[in-house]
Amino acid sequence: MSQVVTLRLPDSAAEAIRQIARREKRSVNEVGVRIVEEWLRQQRFAHIEFRSFQGERHACFKDRLQVWQVIMVARDYGMDVEKTAEHLSLRPEQVQSALNYYEDYPEEIDPVLRENDLGYEQLKERLPSLQLIEVRIDGAP
């Protein structure tokens, strides 16, 4: 469900939204909704910001990892905040913020985690020119 909310913006802010919409080939409404939704999420999750990667917006730690990357590591530690923080050289509250974000938005994070878990054969189907290179470490069989 959604509601119509009317906002009066300064001319400069309205023009900035129009420019983003043109650049992204989206409607002013889509961009405005995204801006408000991201701002609200950033207010709830202090260590989270949104950045664009290949045309898609992703929740990230400020100047650091994407949330899905933290969750990927946290899963290996049974979602343990302290161990994950130590592994990633983050503060525990940053990891907890990622876990809280994931708890509220699993539908956003889970598809990225699944895509990251693709094996070589599935990747080869998507990227036909992909090549597997084996590297031997001295002394390894």
N, C-alpha and C. Protein backbone atom coordinates (compact mmCIF):
# COMPACT_ATOMS: atom_id res chain seq x y z
N MET A 1 0.84 -1.18 0.00
CA MET A 1 0.00 0.00 0.00
C MET A 1 0.89 1.24 0.00
N SER A 2 0.43 2.29 -0.60
CA SER A 2 1.18 3.54 -0.62
C SER A 2 0.22 4.70 -0.42
N GLN A 3 0.78 5.82 -0.07
CA GLN A 3 0.01 7.04 0.17
C GLN A 3 0.61 8.18 -0.62
N VAL A 4 -0.23 9.09 -1.04
CA VAL A 4 0.24 10.30 -1.71
C VAL A 4 0.56 11.33 -0.63
N VAL A 5 1.79 11.85 -0.69
CA VAL A 5 2.24 12.90 0.22
C VAL A 5 2.77 14.04 -0.63
N THR A 6 2.31 15.23 -0.37
CA THR A 6 2.75 16.38 -1.14
C THR A 6 3.84 17.12 -0.36
N LEU A 7 4.92 17.43 -1.04
CA LEU A 7 6.03 18.16 -0.44
C LEU A 7 6.32 19.41 -1.27
N ARG A 8 6.70 20.47 -0.61
CA ARG A 8 7.13 21.67 -1.32
C ARG A 8 8.64 21.75 -1.14
N LEU A 9 9.36 21.64 -2.26
CA LEU A 9 10.82 21.64 -2.25
C LEU A 9 11.36 22.96 -2.79
N PRO A 10 12.53 23.37 -2.32
CA PRO A 10 13.18 24.53 -2.96
C PRO A 10 13.46 24.20 -4.43
N ASP A 11 13.49 25.21 -5.27
CA ASP A 11 13.72 25.01 -6.70
C ASP A 11 14.97 24.17 -6.96
N SER A 12 16.04 24.44 -6.23
CA SER A 12 17.30 23.72 -6.47
C SER A 12 17.16 22.23 -6.17
N ALA A 13 16.43 21.87 -5.12
CA ALA A 13 16.24 20.46 -4.78
C ALA A 13 15.36 19.78 -5.83
N ALA A 14 14.31 20.46 -6.25
CA ALA A 14 13.42 19.88 -7.28
C ALA A 14 14.18 19.66 -8.58
N GLU A 15 15.01 20.61 -8.96
CA GLU A 15 15.79 20.46 -10.19
C GLU A 15 16.81 19.34 -10.07
N ALA A 16 17.43 19.19 -8.90
CA ALA A 16 18.39 18.11 -8.68
C ALA A 16 17.70 16.75 -8.83
N ILE A 17 16.48 16.62 -8.32
CA ILE A 17 15.73 15.36 -8.46
C ILE A 17 15.40 15.11 -9.93
N ARG A 18 14.99 16.17 -10.65
CA ARG A 18 14.71 16.00 -12.08
C ARG A 18 15.96 15.55 -12.85
N GLN A 19 17.11 16.11 -12.52
CA GLN A 19 18.35 15.72 -13.19
C GLN A 19 18.70 14.26 -12.91
N ILE A 20 18.55 13.83 -11.67
CA ILE A 20 18.80 12.41 -11.33
C ILE A 20 17.85 11.53 -12.11
N ALA A 21 16.59 11.91 -12.16
CA ALA A 21 15.58 11.11 -12.87
C ALA A 21 15.94 10.99 -14.35
N ARG A 22 16.36 12.09 -14.98
CA ARG A 22 16.75 12.03 -16.39
C ARG A 22 17.96 11.13 -16.59
N ARG A 23 18.96 11.30 -15.73
CA ARG A 23 20.19 10.53 -15.84
C ARG A 23 19.92 9.03 -15.67
N GLU A 24 19.04 8.68 -14.73
CA GLU A 24 18.73 7.27 -14.45
C GLU A 24 17.59 6.73 -15.30
N LYS A 25 17.00 7.61 -16.14
CA LYS A 25 15.86 7.22 -16.97
C LYS A 25 14.72 6.65 -16.11
N ARG A 26 14.43 7.38 -15.05
CA ARG A 26 13.35 7.02 -14.12
C ARG A 26 12.44 8.24 -13.97
N SER A 27 11.28 8.00 -13.38
CA SER A 27 10.37 9.12 -13.15
C SER A 27 10.83 9.91 -11.92
N VAL A 28 10.40 11.16 -11.86
CA VAL A 28 10.68 11.99 -10.70
C VAL A 28 10.10 11.33 -9.45
N ASN A 29 8.94 10.73 -9.58
CA ASN A 29 8.31 10.03 -8.45
C ASN A 29 9.18 8.88 -7.95
N GLU A 30 9.69 8.05 -8.88
CA GLU A 30 10.54 6.92 -8.47
C GLU A 30 11.78 7.40 -7.72
N VAL A 31 12.41 8.44 -8.23
CA VAL A 31 13.62 8.96 -7.60
C VAL A 31 13.28 9.58 -6.24
N GLY A 32 12.20 10.33 -6.18
CA GLY A 32 11.79 10.95 -4.92
C GLY A 32 11.47 9.92 -3.85
N VAL A 33 10.76 8.86 -4.23
CA VAL A 33 10.45 7.78 -3.28
C VAL A 33 11.73 7.13 -2.79
N ARG A 34 12.67 6.84 -3.71
CA ARG A 34 13.93 6.21 -3.31
C ARG A 34 14.71 7.09 -2.35
N ILE A 35 14.77 8.39 -2.65
CA ILE A 35 15.50 9.32 -1.79
C ILE A 35 14.92 9.33 -0.37
N VAL A 36 13.62 9.42 -0.28
CA VAL A 36 12.98 9.44 1.05
C VAL A 36 13.17 8.12 1.76
N GLU A 37 12.96 6.99 1.06
CA GLU A 37 13.13 5.68 1.68
C GLU A 37 14.55 5.47 2.16
N GLU A 38 15.54 5.83 1.36
CA GLU A 38 16.94 5.67 1.77
C GLU A 38 17.25 6.56 2.98
N TRP A 39 16.76 7.79 2.97
CA TRP A 39 17.01 8.69 4.10
C TRP A 39 16.41 8.11 5.37
N LEU A 40 15.19 7.59 5.29
CA LEU A 40 14.55 7.01 6.47
C LEU A 40 15.34 5.82 7.00
N ARG A 41 15.82 4.96 6.10
CA ARG A 41 16.63 3.81 6.52
C ARG A 41 17.94 4.26 7.16
N GLN A 42 18.55 5.29 6.59
CA GLN A 42 19.81 5.79 7.15
C GLN A 42 19.60 6.37 8.54
N GLN A 43 18.42 6.90 8.82
CA GLN A 43 18.13 7.41 10.16
C GLN A 43 17.97 6.27 11.16
N ARG A 44 17.44 5.13 10.70
CA ARG A 44 17.24 3.97 11.58
C ARG A 44 18.51 3.18 11.80
N PHE A 45 19.41 3.16 10.83
CA PHE A 45 20.63 2.36 10.88
C PHE A 45 21.83 3.31 10.72
N ALA A 46 22.38 3.70 11.86
CA ALA A 46 23.37 4.78 11.91
C ALA A 46 24.59 4.57 11.03
N HIS A 47 25.01 3.35 10.82
CA HIS A 47 26.25 3.10 10.08
C HIS A 47 26.02 2.80 8.60
N ILE A 48 24.79 2.94 8.15
CA ILE A 48 24.42 2.55 6.79
C ILE A 48 24.26 3.78 5.90
N GLU A 49 24.76 3.65 4.66
CA GLU A 49 24.51 4.63 3.61
C GLU A 49 24.21 3.86 2.33
N PHE A 50 23.73 4.53 1.32
CA PHE A 50 23.42 3.89 0.05
C PHE A 50 24.34 4.41 -1.03
N ARG A 51 24.84 3.48 -1.85
CA ARG A 51 25.70 3.83 -2.97
C ARG A 51 25.26 3.04 -4.20
N SER A 52 25.62 3.56 -5.36
CA SER A 52 25.28 2.89 -6.61
C SER A 52 26.43 2.00 -7.06
N PHE A 53 26.07 0.78 -7.47
CA PHE A 53 27.01 -0.17 -8.06
C PHE A 53 26.38 -0.70 -9.33
N GLN A 54 26.98 -0.42 -10.45
CA GLN A 54 26.49 -0.87 -11.75
C GLN A 54 25.01 -0.55 -11.93
N GLY A 55 24.63 0.66 -11.56
CA GLY A 55 23.27 1.12 -11.75
C GLY A 55 22.27 0.69 -10.70
N GLU A 56 22.70 -0.06 -9.71
CA GLU A 56 21.81 -0.51 -8.64
C GLU A 56 22.24 0.12 -7.33
N ARG A 57 21.29 0.43 -6.46
CA ARG A 57 21.58 1.01 -5.16
C ARG A 57 21.75 -0.11 -4.15
N HIS A 58 22.80 0.01 -3.32
CA HIS A 58 23.10 -1.00 -2.30
C HIS A 58 23.33 -0.33 -0.95
N ALA A 59 22.84 -0.99 0.10
CA ALA A 59 23.13 -0.53 1.45
C ALA A 59 24.58 -0.89 1.77
N CYS A 60 25.33 0.07 2.31
CA CYS A 60 26.76 -0.10 2.60
C CYS A 60 27.08 0.51 3.95
N PHE A 61 28.22 0.09 4.50
CA PHE A 61 28.77 0.83 5.62
C PHE A 61 29.38 2.08 5.06
N LYS A 62 29.32 3.15 5.82
CA LYS A 62 29.89 4.40 5.34
C LYS A 62 31.35 4.18 4.99
N ASP A 63 31.68 4.43 3.73
CA ASP A 63 33.04 4.31 3.20
C ASP A 63 33.62 2.91 3.33
N ARG A 64 32.81 1.87 3.42
CA ARG A 64 33.34 0.52 3.63
C ARG A 64 32.58 -0.49 2.79
N LEU A 65 32.33 -1.63 3.40
CA LEU A 65 31.72 -2.78 2.74
C LEU A 65 30.22 -2.59 2.50
N GLN A 66 29.71 -3.41 1.59
CA GLN A 66 28.27 -3.48 1.42
C GLN A 66 27.71 -4.40 2.51
N VAL A 67 26.46 -4.17 2.89
CA VAL A 67 25.85 -4.95 3.96
C VAL A 67 25.87 -6.44 3.64
N TRP A 68 25.59 -6.81 2.39
CA TRP A 68 25.55 -8.24 2.05
C TRP A 68 26.91 -8.89 2.30
N GLN A 69 28.00 -8.14 2.12
CA GLN A 69 29.33 -8.70 2.35
C GLN A 69 29.55 -8.99 3.84
N VAL A 70 29.04 -8.12 4.69
CA VAL A 70 29.14 -8.35 6.13
C VAL A 70 28.30 -9.57 6.52
N ILE A 71 27.11 -9.68 5.95
CA ILE A 71 26.23 -10.81 6.27
C ILE A 71 26.87 -12.11 5.77
N MET A 72 27.51 -12.09 4.63
CA MET A 72 28.19 -13.28 4.11
C MET A 72 29.22 -13.80 5.12
N VAL A 73 30.01 -12.89 5.66
CA VAL A 73 31.02 -13.29 6.66
C VAL A 73 30.33 -13.69 7.95
N ALA A 74 29.33 -12.94 8.36
CA ALA A 74 28.63 -13.24 9.62
C ALA A 74 28.01 -14.63 9.59
N ARG A 75 27.50 -15.05 8.44
CA ARG A 75 26.93 -16.41 8.35
C ARG A 75 27.98 -17.46 8.68
N ASP A 76 29.21 -17.24 8.24
CA ASP A 76 30.28 -18.19 8.52
C ASP A 76 30.62 -18.23 10.02
N TYR A 77 30.27 -17.20 10.75
CA TYR A 77 30.50 -17.14 12.19
C TYR A 77 29.20 -17.33 12.98
N GLY A 78 28.20 -17.94 12.35
CA GLY A 78 26.93 -18.17 13.03
C GLY A 78 26.25 -16.88 13.47
N MET A 79 26.46 -15.82 12.71
CA MET A 79 25.90 -14.48 12.96
C MET A 79 26.42 -13.88 14.28
N ASP A 80 27.59 -14.31 14.70
CA ASP A 80 28.22 -13.80 15.92
C ASP A 80 28.82 -12.42 15.65
N VAL A 81 28.34 -11.43 16.38
CA VAL A 81 28.75 -10.04 16.16
C VAL A 81 30.24 -9.85 16.44
N GLU A 82 30.72 -10.32 17.57
CA GLU A 82 32.11 -10.09 17.97
C GLU A 82 33.10 -10.73 16.99
N LYS A 83 32.84 -11.99 16.62
CA LYS A 83 33.76 -12.68 15.71
C LYS A 83 33.76 -12.04 14.33
N THR A 84 32.58 -11.65 13.87
CA THR A 84 32.48 -10.99 12.56
C THR A 84 33.20 -9.65 12.59
N ALA A 85 33.01 -8.90 13.64
CA ALA A 85 33.66 -7.59 13.76
C ALA A 85 35.18 -7.75 13.76
N GLU A 86 35.67 -8.73 14.50
CA GLU A 86 37.11 -8.96 14.55
C GLU A 86 37.65 -9.34 13.16
N HIS A 87 36.94 -10.25 12.49
CA HIS A 87 37.37 -10.70 11.16
C HIS A 87 37.44 -9.54 10.16
N LEU A 88 36.47 -8.64 10.23
CA LEU A 88 36.37 -7.56 9.24
C LEU A 88 37.02 -6.25 9.72
N SER A 89 37.59 -6.27 10.89
CA SER A 89 38.17 -5.05 11.49
C SER A 89 37.14 -3.93 11.57
N LEU A 90 35.96 -4.30 12.04
CA LEU A 90 34.89 -3.34 12.25
C LEU A 90 34.58 -3.28 13.74
N ARG A 91 33.85 -2.25 14.13
CA ARG A 91 33.38 -2.17 15.51
C ARG A 91 32.14 -3.05 15.63
N PRO A 92 31.93 -3.68 16.78
CA PRO A 92 30.75 -4.54 16.95
C PRO A 92 29.43 -3.83 16.63
N GLU A 93 29.32 -2.56 16.96
CA GLU A 93 28.07 -1.85 16.67
C GLU A 93 27.83 -1.70 15.17
N GLN A 94 28.90 -1.67 14.38
CA GLN A 94 28.74 -1.62 12.93
C GLN A 94 28.17 -2.95 12.42
N VAL A 95 28.73 -4.05 12.92
CA VAL A 95 28.24 -5.37 12.52
C VAL A 95 26.80 -5.55 12.98
N GLN A 96 26.51 -5.13 14.20
CA GLN A 96 25.13 -5.26 14.71
C GLN A 96 24.17 -4.45 13.84
N SER A 97 24.61 -3.30 13.37
CA SER A 97 23.78 -2.49 12.49
C SER A 97 23.48 -3.25 11.19
N ALA A 98 24.49 -3.93 10.64
CA ALA A 98 24.28 -4.73 9.43
C ALA A 98 23.31 -5.88 9.69
N LEU A 99 23.46 -6.55 10.83
CA LEU A 99 22.55 -7.65 11.16
C LEU A 99 21.12 -7.14 11.34
N ASN A 100 20.98 -5.98 11.98
CA ASN A 100 19.65 -5.40 12.15
C ASN A 100 19.04 -5.02 10.80
N TYR A 101 19.87 -4.46 9.93
CA TYR A 101 19.39 -4.09 8.59
C TYR A 101 18.93 -5.34 7.84
N TYR A 102 19.74 -6.38 7.89
CA TYR A 102 19.41 -7.64 7.22
C TYR A 102 18.11 -8.23 7.77
N GLU A 103 17.93 -8.14 9.07
CA GLU A 103 16.71 -8.66 9.69
C GLU A 103 15.48 -7.94 9.14
N ASP A 104 15.60 -6.64 8.92
CA ASP A 104 14.46 -5.86 8.41
C ASP A 104 14.29 -5.94 6.90
N TYR A 105 15.37 -6.20 6.15
CA TYR A 105 15.32 -6.18 4.69
C TYR A 105 15.97 -7.42 4.05
N PRO A 106 15.59 -8.62 4.49
CA PRO A 106 16.22 -9.82 3.90
C PRO A 106 15.93 -9.96 2.41
N GLU A 107 14.78 -9.47 1.96
CA GLU A 107 14.42 -9.58 0.55
C GLU A 107 15.35 -8.77 -0.34
N GLU A 108 16.04 -7.80 0.23
CA GLU A 108 17.01 -7.00 -0.50
C GLU A 108 18.38 -7.68 -0.51
N ILE A 109 18.75 -8.33 0.58
CA ILE A 109 20.08 -8.88 0.76
C ILE A 109 20.19 -10.32 0.24
N ASP A 110 19.17 -11.14 0.48
CA ASP A 110 19.25 -12.56 0.11
C ASP A 110 19.53 -12.81 -1.37
N PRO A 111 18.91 -12.09 -2.31
CA PRO A 111 19.24 -12.35 -3.72
C PRO A 111 20.71 -12.09 -4.05
N VAL A 112 21.30 -11.09 -3.43
CA VAL A 112 22.71 -10.78 -3.68
C VAL A 112 23.59 -11.90 -3.10
N LEU A 113 23.22 -12.40 -1.93
CA LEU A 113 23.96 -13.51 -1.33
C LEU A 113 23.88 -14.76 -2.21
N ARG A 114 22.68 -15.04 -2.74
CA ARG A 114 22.52 -16.21 -3.62
C ARG A 114 23.35 -16.05 -4.88
N GLU A 115 23.35 -14.87 -5.46
CA GLU A 115 24.13 -14.64 -6.67
C GLU A 115 25.63 -14.80 -6.38
N ASN A 116 26.06 -14.35 -5.23
CA ASN A 116 27.46 -14.47 -4.85
C ASN A 116 27.86 -15.94 -4.67
N ASP A 117 26.90 -16.78 -4.30
CA ASP A 117 27.18 -18.20 -4.06
C ASP A 117 27.18 -19.05 -5.33
N LEU A 118 26.98 -18.44 -6.49
CA LEU A 118 26.96 -19.20 -7.73
C LEU A 118 28.28 -19.94 -7.94
N GLY A 119 28.20 -21.15 -8.41
CA GLY A 119 29.40 -21.91 -8.72
C GLY A 119 29.94 -21.56 -10.09
N TYR A 120 31.10 -22.13 -10.42
CA TYR A 120 31.77 -21.83 -11.68
C TYR A 120 30.88 -22.14 -12.89
N GLU A 121 30.21 -23.28 -12.89
CA GLU A 121 29.39 -23.67 -14.06
C GLU A 121 28.26 -22.68 -14.29
N GLN A 122 27.61 -22.24 -13.21
CA GLN A 122 26.53 -21.26 -13.36
C GLN A 122 27.07 -19.92 -13.83
N LEU A 123 28.23 -19.53 -13.32
CA LEU A 123 28.84 -18.29 -13.78
C LEU A 123 29.24 -18.38 -15.24
N LYS A 124 29.75 -19.52 -15.66
CA LYS A 124 30.16 -19.74 -17.05
C LYS A 124 28.96 -19.58 -17.99
N GLU A 125 27.77 -20.01 -17.55
CA GLU A 125 26.57 -19.84 -18.36
C GLU A 125 26.26 -18.36 -18.57
N ARG A 126 26.47 -17.57 -17.54
CA ARG A 126 26.19 -16.13 -17.62
C ARG A 126 27.31 -15.36 -18.31
N LEU A 127 28.54 -15.85 -18.12
CA LEU A 127 29.72 -15.18 -18.68
C LEU A 127 30.51 -16.18 -19.51
N PRO A 128 30.11 -16.41 -20.75
CA PRO A 128 30.74 -17.46 -21.58
C PRO A 128 32.25 -17.33 -21.73
N SER A 129 32.78 -16.13 -21.64
CA SER A 129 34.23 -15.98 -21.81
C SER A 129 35.01 -16.21 -20.51
N LEU A 130 34.32 -16.54 -19.45
CA LEU A 130 34.97 -16.79 -18.16
C LEU A 130 35.92 -17.97 -18.27
N GLN A 131 37.11 -17.81 -17.69
CA GLN A 131 38.09 -18.89 -17.70
C GLN A 131 38.50 -19.21 -16.27
N LEU A 132 38.66 -20.48 -16.00
CA LEU A 132 39.12 -20.94 -14.69
C LEU A 132 40.63 -21.09 -14.75
N ILE A 133 41.31 -20.44 -13.85
CA ILE A 133 42.77 -20.52 -13.79
C ILE A 133 43.14 -21.13 -12.45
N GLU A 134 43.87 -22.23 -12.49
CA GLU A 134 44.32 -22.87 -11.26
C GLU A 134 45.71 -22.38 -10.92
N VAL A 135 45.90 -22.05 -9.67
CA VAL A 135 47.18 -21.56 -9.19
C VAL A 135 47.72 -22.56 -8.17
N ARG A 136 48.89 -23.02 -8.38
CA ARG A 136 49.52 -23.95 -7.44
C ARG A 136 50.43 -23.20 -6.50
N ILE A 137 50.33 -23.53 -5.26
CA ILE A 137 51.22 -22.96 -4.26
C ILE A 137 52.38 -23.90 -4.09
N ASP A 138 53.59 -23.36 -4.00
CA ASP A 138 54.79 -24.21 -3.85
C ASP A 138 54.58 -25.23 -2.75
N GLY A 139 54.88 -26.48 -3.06
CA GLY A 139 54.77 -27.57 -2.09
C GLY A 139 53.39 -28.21 -2.04
N ALA A 140 52.40 -27.59 -2.71
CA ALA A 140 51.05 -28.18 -2.71
C ALA A 140 50.96 -29.26 -3.77
N PRO A 141 50.19 -30.32 -3.53
CA PRO A 141 50.06 -31.39 -4.51
C PRO A 141 49.35 -30.97 -5.77
